[in-house]
Amino acid sequence: MNTDHDIKPITTHTNVHPVRVLLVDDKPENLVSLESLLAEEGDNVTYLFANSGEEALKIALQEELALVLLDVQMPGMNGYEVARYLRDISKTRHVPIIFVTAISEQDAHVIEGFEAGAVDFLFKPLHPIITKAKVAAFVRFYLQKKELERANKETKALNQELEQRVQERTRALTKANKDLDNFVYTASHDLKAPINNIEGLMTALQETLEEKELDLQDVSPLMHMINDAIGRFKDTLMDLTEVAKVQHQEQNKAQENVCFQAILDDVKVHIKDLIQKYGANITADFSAAPEIVFTRKNLRSILYNLVSNSIKYSSPDRKPEIAVATKMEGSFVVLTVRDNGLGLRKQDQEKVFGMFKRLHAHVEGTGVGLAIVKRIVENCDGRIEFESELGKGSEFKVYLRQE
């Protein structure tokens, strides 16, 4: 036996983590006897021998240990001193220590051992079954711990891989969205010229027919439908351009203190014909949050689309009543627009923010306005909620973050 650093391997399996148990005793015959008792305990266990406290510390710093069986009474550094040193070293702080001692089971000795860092005691003469059972329990605990560490490491690696994939996919989707927005912006911009040309040609055709004093009665309805179609086309192109612009806007671009009442007043001026046509009544309560730090143009777009939609989708059985209000909720200013309009069925409510979604076909529009509102709000780290009851009305809640 080589008492310097004697390693006696047992048959191992390559798929199990190696287990090293350090046996410390100043008498070589005790080490051989203890190893013989434990060797049959199972595969994959390697026993290391140390004949002194100093040698035990040296081995503990060099090897990864599952367990230390430490004799208490040794010349020089005794077992309690070795245990205290092991507890002070970060590498060995959590290695379980079982004291092996011939000292009687007096409370004072046991307490001193536990204070030194022991997890258990074995008293000489050793009972084979008890000794093997205790060592086997700590070996199993060590293997379970290593398996958990391996699983955690694999999970961490998997999470990192998934996170990388998500980041790559996000970058790809962001690029695709940007390319799509660029296409929409370019296409809508390029289509304006031919539409304007068609509109001009229709005007020239009408003037030519009038100059020739031809009877326009037969073609007048057709001319009206063509002009109406051109108008719809121009509105759609304008909305598409607006969608692309919103996506490219920087979150904090041109932000300022904006007064809700002033924006609503401006919106009401621009939709006065719509208000008069439907006899709409708009009430406002901005007392809880009269102002917000936001982009003026974007806030106007939000209010314009929500208020005008509330009027357009009013019930034919009653005049539109639109209530606009604000309040604070945590770090958000919440803008609420509530109406008594047509409302929506439960199954249609998820579609309301979709591009070109018009859930009431009789109402004029391109179906882009609410998609623009949603983009503006989400680009500014906010959210929009929608509740509706068929035949009763709808309510939009817009959460706008404030720093």
Protein backbone atom coordinates (compact mmCIF):
# COMPACT_ATOMS: atom_id res chain seq x y z
CA MET A 1 0.00 0.00 0.00
CA ASN A 2 1.31 3.43 -0.95
CA THR A 3 0.34 5.73 1.94
CA ASP A 4 1.43 8.84 0.02
CA HIS A 5 -1.62 8.91 -2.21
CA ASP A 6 -2.89 5.41 -2.59
CA ILE A 7 -5.86 5.11 -4.97
CA LYS A 8 -7.62 1.77 -5.13
CA PRO A 9 -10.21 1.76 -7.96
CA ILE A 10 -13.31 -0.39 -8.01
CA THR A 11 -14.96 -1.45 -11.26
CA THR A 12 -16.56 1.67 -12.80
CA HIS A 13 -19.19 2.49 -15.41
CA THR A 14 -18.32 5.22 -17.88
CA ASN A 15 -21.82 6.67 -17.74
CA VAL A 16 -21.66 7.30 -13.95
CA HIS A 17 -19.74 10.13 -12.31
CA PRO A 18 -16.60 8.83 -10.49
CA VAL A 19 -16.92 8.75 -6.71
CA ARG A 20 -13.90 9.39 -4.49
CA VAL A 21 -14.04 8.70 -0.74
CA LEU A 22 -11.13 9.81 1.45
CA LEU A 23 -10.21 7.55 4.40
CA VAL A 24 -8.03 9.27 7.02
CA ASP A 25 -6.28 7.35 9.83
CA ASP A 26 -2.71 7.40 11.18
CA LYS A 27 -2.67 3.59 11.27
CA PRO A 28 -2.34 1.95 7.81
CA GLU A 29 -3.94 -1.28 9.01
CA ASN A 30 -7.11 0.63 9.94
CA LEU A 31 -7.29 2.07 6.42
CA VAL A 32 -6.95 -1.37 4.84
CA SER A 33 -9.58 -2.81 7.16
CA LEU A 34 -12.02 0.06 6.47
CA GLU A 35 -11.50 -0.21 2.72
CA SER A 36 -12.08 -3.97 2.82
CA LEU A 37 -15.30 -3.41 4.68
CA LEU A 38 -16.52 -0.82 2.16
CA ALA A 39 -15.06 -2.12 -1.12
CA GLU A 40 -18.02 -4.36 -1.82
CA GLU A 41 -20.30 -1.36 -1.43
CA GLY A 42 -20.59 -0.92 -5.19
CA ASP A 43 -19.10 0.09 -8.47
CA ASN A 44 -17.57 3.45 -9.31
CA VAL A 45 -16.13 4.13 -5.85
CA THR A 46 -12.45 4.98 -5.47
CA TYR A 47 -10.88 5.07 -2.00
CA LEU A 48 -8.05 7.50 -1.23
CA PHE A 49 -5.81 6.97 1.83
CA ALA A 50 -4.29 9.62 4.08
CA ASN A 51 -2.18 8.82 7.18
CA SER A 52 -2.25 12.31 8.70
CA GLY A 53 -4.27 15.49 8.87
CA GLU A 54 -1.79 17.35 6.69
CA GLU A 55 -1.91 14.66 4.02
CA ALA A 56 -5.71 14.66 4.14
CA LEU A 57 -5.82 18.42 3.46
CA LYS A 58 -3.41 18.02 0.55
CA ILE A 59 -5.54 15.30 -1.07
CA ALA A 60 -8.76 17.23 -0.45
CA LEU A 61 -7.36 20.19 -2.37
CA GLN A 62 -6.30 17.99 -5.30
CA GLU A 63 -9.34 15.74 -5.68
CA GLU A 64 -13.10 16.12 -5.82
CA LEU A 65 -14.39 14.16 -2.86
CA ALA A 66 -17.80 12.67 -2.22
CA LEU A 67 -17.13 11.89 1.47
CA VAL A 68 -14.40 11.97 4.13
CA LEU A 69 -14.17 9.31 6.85
CA LEU A 70 -11.91 11.01 9.39
CA ASP A 71 -10.26 9.49 12.45
CA VAL A 72 -10.45 11.82 15.45
CA GLN A 73 -7.34 10.81 17.42
CA MET A 74 -4.24 11.34 15.30
CA PRO A 75 -0.78 12.65 16.23
CA GLY A 76 -0.10 16.20 15.14
CA MET A 77 -3.31 17.60 13.62
CA ASN A 78 -6.30 15.76 15.06
CA GLY A 79 -9.57 15.08 13.26
CA TYR A 80 -11.42 18.11 14.67
CA GLU A 81 -8.68 20.46 13.44
CA VAL A 82 -8.73 18.86 9.97
CA ALA A 83 -12.51 19.27 9.79
CA ARG A 84 -12.28 22.96 10.71
CA TYR A 85 -9.69 23.56 7.99
CA LEU A 86 -11.85 21.75 5.43
CA ARG A 87 -14.82 23.96 6.39
CA ASP A 88 -12.70 27.10 5.84
CA ILE A 89 -11.68 26.10 2.30
CA SER A 90 -14.26 26.94 -0.37
CA LYS A 91 -13.43 23.84 -2.46
CA THR A 92 -14.08 21.45 0.45
CA ARG A 93 -16.64 23.42 2.48
CA HIS A 94 -19.56 21.23 1.44
CA VAL A 95 -17.85 17.81 1.51
CA PRO A 96 -19.61 15.70 4.18
CA ILE A 97 -17.37 14.44 7.01
CA ILE A 98 -18.03 11.34 9.13
CA PHE A 99 -15.83 11.10 12.23
CA VAL A 100 -14.47 7.61 13.01
CA THR A 101 -13.47 7.41 16.66
CA ALA A 102 -12.78 5.02 19.57
CA ILE A 103 -13.73 7.74 22.08
CA SER A 104 -16.84 6.88 24.05
CA GLU A 105 -20.09 8.41 22.88
CA GLN A 106 -19.92 11.28 25.32
CA ASP A 107 -21.99 14.35 24.57
CA ALA A 108 -19.01 16.70 24.81
CA HIS A 109 -17.04 14.83 22.12
CA VAL A 110 -20.06 14.53 19.82
CA ILE A 111 -20.91 18.22 20.19
CA GLU A 112 -17.31 19.23 19.48
CA GLY A 113 -17.35 17.04 16.37
CA PHE A 114 -20.53 18.56 15.01
CA GLU A 115 -19.25 22.07 15.77
CA ALA A 116 -16.11 21.22 13.81
CA GLY A 117 -18.23 20.33 10.78
CA ALA A 118 -19.13 16.66 11.03
CA VAL A 119 -22.37 15.32 9.60
CA ASP A 120 -22.22 11.99 11.44
CA PHE A 121 -20.18 9.70 13.74
CA LEU A 122 -18.98 6.08 13.52
CA PHE A 123 -17.78 4.57 16.76
CA LYS A 124 -15.15 1.84 16.97
CA PRO A 125 -15.42 -1.07 16.80
CA LEU A 126 -17.24 -0.39 13.57
CA HIS A 127 -20.50 -2.16 12.90
CA PRO A 128 -20.24 -3.39 9.25
CA ILE A 129 -23.90 -2.96 8.33
CA ILE A 130 -24.23 0.52 9.91
CA THR A 131 -20.91 1.67 8.43
CA LYS A 132 -21.76 0.51 4.90
CA ALA A 133 -25.29 1.91 5.12
CA LYS A 134 -24.07 5.37 6.12
CA VAL A 135 -21.37 5.50 3.46
CA ALA A 136 -23.79 4.20 0.82
CA ALA A 137 -26.28 6.95 1.73
CA PHE A 138 -23.71 9.72 1.27
CA VAL A 139 -22.46 8.17 -1.98
CA ARG A 140 -26.02 8.15 -3.32
CA PHE A 141 -26.47 11.75 -2.20
CA TYR A 142 -23.27 12.74 -4.00
CA LEU A 143 -24.32 11.01 -7.22
CA GLN A 144 -27.74 12.63 -7.06
CA LYS A 145 -26.10 16.01 -6.56
CA LYS A 146 -23.78 15.47 -9.55
CA GLU A 147 -26.72 14.33 -11.68
CA LEU A 148 -28.63 17.45 -10.68
CA GLU A 149 -25.62 19.61 -11.54
CA ARG A 150 -25.36 17.87 -14.91
CA ALA A 151 -29.07 18.37 -15.56
CA ASN A 152 -28.84 22.04 -14.55
CA LYS A 153 -25.85 22.52 -16.83
CA GLU A 154 -27.66 20.91 -19.75
CA THR A 155 -30.78 22.95 -19.01
CA LYS A 156 -28.74 26.14 -18.91
CA ALA A 157 -27.06 25.26 -22.19
CA LEU A 158 -30.43 24.42 -23.73
CA ASN A 159 -31.91 27.70 -22.47
CA GLN A 160 -28.97 29.61 -23.93
CA GLU A 161 -29.43 27.82 -27.26
CA LEU A 162 -33.16 28.53 -27.24
CA GLU A 163 -32.53 32.15 -26.32
CA GLN A 164 -30.06 32.45 -29.17
CA ARG A 165 -32.58 30.91 -31.56
CA VAL A 166 -35.28 33.29 -30.34
CA GLN A 167 -32.95 36.24 -30.81
CA GLU A 168 -32.03 35.10 -34.29
CA ARG A 169 -35.67 34.54 -35.20
CA THR A 170 -36.61 37.89 -33.70
CA ARG A 171 -33.92 39.60 -35.75
CA ALA A 172 -35.17 37.79 -38.86
CA LEU A 173 -38.79 38.75 -38.16
CA THR A 174 -37.78 42.34 -37.43
CA LYS A 175 -35.92 42.49 -40.73
CA ALA A 176 -38.87 40.89 -42.53
CA ASN A 177 -41.27 43.38 -40.96
CA LYS A 178 -38.99 46.24 -41.87
CA ASP A 179 -38.69 44.99 -45.44
CA LEU A 180 -42.47 44.59 -45.60
CA ASP A 181 -43.01 48.10 -44.25
CA ASN A 182 -40.52 49.46 -46.75
CA PHE A 183 -42.38 47.66 -49.51
CA VAL A 184 -45.74 48.98 -48.30
CA TYR A 185 -44.39 52.51 -48.04
CA THR A 186 -42.73 52.34 -51.46
CA ALA A 187 -45.71 50.69 -53.14
CA SER A 188 -48.21 53.13 -51.66
CA HIS A 189 -45.99 56.04 -52.62
CA ASP A 190 -45.42 54.78 -56.17
CA LEU A 191 -49.12 54.09 -56.70
CA LYS A 192 -50.10 57.65 -55.86
CA ALA A 193 -48.90 58.97 -59.22
CA PRO A 194 -50.98 56.65 -61.45
CA ILE A 195 -54.04 57.14 -59.23
CA ASN A 196 -53.61 60.89 -59.49
CA ASN A 197 -53.29 60.49 -63.27
CA ILE A 198 -56.51 58.46 -63.43
CA GLU A 199 -58.25 61.10 -61.33
CA GLY A 200 -56.99 63.80 -63.66
CA LEU A 201 -58.11 61.89 -66.74
CA MET A 202 -61.57 61.42 -65.25
CA THR A 203 -61.80 65.16 -64.63
CA ALA A 204 -60.64 65.88 -68.20
CA LEU A 205 -63.16 63.36 -69.57
CA GLN A 206 -66.01 65.00 -67.66
CA GLU A 207 -64.96 68.47 -68.85
CA THR A 208 -64.72 67.22 -72.45
CA LEU A 209 -68.18 65.72 -72.32
CA GLU A 210 -69.57 68.93 -70.87
CA GLU A 211 -67.84 71.05 -73.53
CA LYS A 212 -69.39 68.96 -76.27
CA GLU A 213 -72.74 69.50 -74.58
CA LEU A 214 -73.40 65.78 -74.52
CA ASP A 215 -76.11 64.34 -72.34
CA LEU A 216 -74.36 63.10 -69.17
CA GLN A 217 -77.46 61.51 -67.72
CA ASP A 218 -76.51 58.02 -68.82
CA VAL A 219 -72.87 58.18 -67.77
CA SER A 220 -73.20 60.34 -64.66
CA PRO A 221 -73.83 57.40 -62.26
CA LEU A 222 -70.87 55.59 -63.77
CA MET A 223 -68.66 58.65 -63.41
CA HIS A 224 -69.74 58.98 -59.81
CA MET A 225 -68.86 55.33 -59.04
CA ILE A 226 -65.45 55.67 -60.70
CA ASN A 227 -64.67 58.83 -58.73
CA ASP A 228 -65.84 57.13 -55.54
CA ALA A 229 -63.58 54.12 -56.24
CA ILE A 230 -60.64 56.46 -56.85
CA GLY A 231 -61.34 58.18 -53.53
CA ARG A 232 -61.40 54.87 -51.68
CA PHE A 233 -58.16 53.82 -53.34
CA LYS A 234 -56.49 57.08 -52.33
CA ASP A 235 -57.69 56.68 -48.73
CA THR A 236 -56.30 53.14 -48.59
CA LEU A 237 -52.91 54.27 -49.94
CA MET A 238 -52.84 57.09 -47.41
CA ASP A 239 -53.55 54.68 -44.55
CA LEU A 240 -50.92 52.22 -45.76
CA THR A 241 -48.37 55.02 -45.86
CA GLU A 242 -49.36 55.96 -42.32
CA VAL A 243 -48.89 52.37 -41.10
CA ALA A 244 -45.37 52.26 -42.54
CA LYS A 245 -44.52 55.65 -41.04
CA VAL A 246 -45.68 54.58 -37.59
CA GLN A 247 -43.46 51.48 -37.67
CA HIS A 248 -40.38 53.55 -38.48
CA GLN A 249 -41.00 56.24 -35.89
CA GLU A 250 -38.65 56.31 -32.93
CA GLN A 251 -40.28 55.71 -29.59
CA ASN A 252 -39.27 59.02 -28.02
CA LYS A 253 -39.31 61.14 -31.15
CA ALA A 254 -40.78 64.64 -30.66
CA GLN A 255 -42.28 63.85 -27.26
CA GLU A 256 -43.69 66.76 -25.27
CA ASN A 257 -46.32 67.64 -22.69
CA VAL A 258 -49.59 67.21 -24.57
CA CYS A 259 -53.02 68.30 -23.33
CA PHE A 260 -55.75 65.72 -23.96
CA GLN A 261 -58.49 68.34 -24.18
CA ALA A 262 -56.60 70.33 -26.80
CA ILE A 263 -56.08 67.22 -28.94
CA LEU A 264 -59.72 66.18 -28.61
CA ASP A 265 -60.87 69.70 -29.58
CA ASP A 266 -58.70 69.53 -32.69
CA VAL A 267 -60.11 66.11 -33.59
CA LYS A 268 -63.68 67.36 -33.15
CA VAL A 269 -63.00 70.23 -35.56
CA HIS A 270 -61.77 67.81 -38.23
CA ILE A 271 -64.72 65.43 -37.85
CA LYS A 272 -67.40 68.06 -37.33
CA ASP A 273 -69.27 66.91 -40.45
CA LEU A 274 -69.32 63.36 -39.10
CA ILE A 275 -70.51 64.59 -35.69
CA GLN A 276 -73.31 66.60 -37.31
CA LYS A 277 -74.32 63.79 -39.66
CA TYR A 278 -74.85 61.32 -36.79
CA GLY A 279 -75.85 63.86 -34.11
CA ALA A 280 -73.06 62.56 -31.89
CA ASN A 281 -72.52 63.82 -28.35
CA ILE A 282 -68.94 63.66 -27.07
CA THR A 283 -68.20 64.16 -23.37
CA ALA A 284 -64.74 64.28 -21.81
CA ASP A 285 -63.26 64.01 -18.31
CA PHE A 286 -59.51 64.53 -18.22
CA SER A 287 -59.36 65.76 -14.61
CA ALA A 288 -57.47 62.70 -13.33
CA ALA A 289 -54.74 62.99 -15.98
CA PRO A 290 -55.06 66.18 -18.06
CA GLU A 291 -51.65 65.88 -19.77
CA ILE A 292 -49.18 63.28 -20.97
CA VAL A 293 -45.62 63.23 -22.26
CA PHE A 294 -46.18 61.84 -25.73
CA THR A 295 -45.85 62.50 -29.44
CA ARG A 296 -48.57 65.00 -30.32
CA LYS A 297 -49.16 63.57 -33.80
CA ASN A 298 -49.49 60.02 -32.46
CA LEU A 299 -51.89 60.99 -29.66
CA ARG A 300 -54.03 62.83 -32.20
CA SER A 301 -54.06 59.73 -34.43
CA ILE A 302 -55.17 57.56 -31.47
CA LEU A 303 -58.01 59.89 -30.48
CA TYR A 304 -59.04 60.57 -34.08
CA ASN A 305 -59.41 56.87 -34.94
CA LEU A 306 -61.12 55.82 -31.71
CA VAL A 307 -63.60 58.70 -31.59
CA SER A 308 -64.43 58.65 -35.31
CA ASN A 309 -64.91 54.85 -35.19
CA SER A 310 -67.27 55.22 -32.22
CA ILE A 311 -69.40 57.57 -34.30
CA LYS A 312 -69.28 55.54 -37.52
CA TYR A 313 -70.24 52.31 -35.74
CA SER A 314 -73.17 53.87 -33.88
CA SER A 315 -76.53 52.17 -33.61
CA PRO A 316 -79.32 53.36 -35.94
CA ASP A 317 -81.68 53.14 -32.95
CA ARG A 318 -80.01 55.89 -30.90
CA LYS A 319 -77.70 58.85 -31.23
CA PRO A 320 -74.03 58.22 -30.51
CA GLU A 321 -72.88 58.95 -26.97
CA ILE A 322 -69.07 58.88 -26.70
CA ALA A 323 -67.36 59.28 -23.32
CA VAL A 324 -63.63 60.02 -23.31
CA ALA A 325 -61.65 59.98 -20.04
CA THR A 326 -58.19 59.54 -18.57
CA LYS A 327 -56.79 58.22 -15.30
CA MET A 328 -53.49 57.03 -13.80
CA GLU A 329 -52.75 53.35 -13.17
CA GLY A 330 -49.24 52.82 -11.86
CA SER A 331 -46.80 54.02 -14.51
CA PHE A 332 -49.52 54.27 -17.18
CA VAL A 333 -51.90 56.98 -18.25
CA VAL A 334 -55.07 55.12 -19.28
CA LEU A 335 -57.15 56.73 -22.02
CA THR A 336 -60.70 55.32 -22.21
CA VAL A 337 -63.11 55.78 -25.11
CA ARG A 338 -66.57 54.30 -24.50
CA ASP A 339 -69.61 54.37 -26.80
CA ASN A 340 -73.19 53.10 -27.03
CA GLY A 341 -72.83 51.81 -30.57
CA LEU A 342 -73.41 48.55 -32.38
CA GLY A 343 -70.93 46.50 -30.38
CA LEU A 344 -69.43 43.20 -31.51
CA ARG A 345 -70.00 39.51 -30.97
CA LYS A 346 -67.52 37.79 -28.68
CA GLN A 347 -66.02 35.76 -31.54
CA ASP A 348 -65.31 38.90 -33.59
CA GLN A 349 -63.59 40.94 -30.88
CA GLU A 350 -60.12 39.47 -31.49
CA LYS A 351 -60.28 40.61 -35.13
CA VAL A 352 -60.85 44.27 -34.39
CA PHE A 353 -57.16 45.29 -34.65
CA GLY A 354 -56.45 43.32 -37.83
CA MET A 355 -55.39 45.07 -41.02
CA PHE A 356 -58.31 45.75 -43.41
CA LYS A 357 -60.80 44.22 -40.94
CA ARG A 358 -64.24 45.77 -41.30
CA LEU A 359 -66.66 43.87 -39.12
CA HIS A 360 -69.65 46.00 -40.12
CA ALA A 361 -69.71 46.11 -43.92
CA HIS A 362 -72.15 49.00 -44.17
CA VAL A 363 -69.68 51.46 -42.60
CA GLU A 364 -67.30 53.38 -44.84
CA GLY A 365 -63.58 52.94 -44.21
CA THR A 366 -60.41 51.06 -45.08
CA GLY A 367 -60.16 48.92 -41.93
CA VAL A 368 -56.65 50.22 -41.16
CA GLY A 369 -57.31 52.82 -38.43
CA LEU A 370 -57.31 50.52 -35.41
CA ALA A 371 -54.26 48.66 -36.71
CA ILE A 372 -52.46 52.03 -36.79
CA VAL A 373 -53.59 52.77 -33.21
CA LYS A 374 -52.32 49.39 -32.00
CA ARG A 375 -48.94 49.90 -33.64
CA ILE A 376 -48.54 53.38 -32.16
CA VAL A 377 -49.39 52.15 -28.66
CA GLU A 378 -47.18 49.04 -28.75
CA ASN A 379 -44.25 50.97 -30.26
CA CYS A 380 -44.40 53.16 -27.15
CA ASP A 381 -44.30 50.17 -24.76
CA GLY A 382 -48.03 50.38 -24.07
CA ARG A 383 -51.04 48.20 -24.71
CA ILE A 384 -54.64 48.54 -25.82
CA GLU A 385 -57.62 46.58 -24.49
CA PHE A 386 -61.04 46.20 -26.07
CA GLU A 387 -64.37 45.14 -24.59
CA SER A 388 -67.68 45.04 -26.41
CA GLU A 389 -71.24 43.81 -26.08
CA LEU A 390 -73.38 43.30 -29.14
CA GLY A 391 -76.13 45.89 -29.27
CA LYS A 392 -74.81 47.78 -26.23
CA GLY A 393 -71.53 49.38 -27.26
CA SER A 394 -67.76 49.14 -26.97
CA GLU A 395 -64.93 50.42 -24.79
CA PHE A 396 -61.26 50.92 -25.66
CA LYS A 397 -58.64 51.28 -22.93
CA VAL A 398 -55.29 52.61 -24.11
CA TYR A 399 -52.40 52.21 -21.66
CA LEU A 400 -49.66 54.77 -22.38
CA ARG A 401 -46.48 54.36 -20.33
CA GLN A 402 -45.02 57.32 -18.46
CA GLU A 403 -41.49 57.23 -17.09
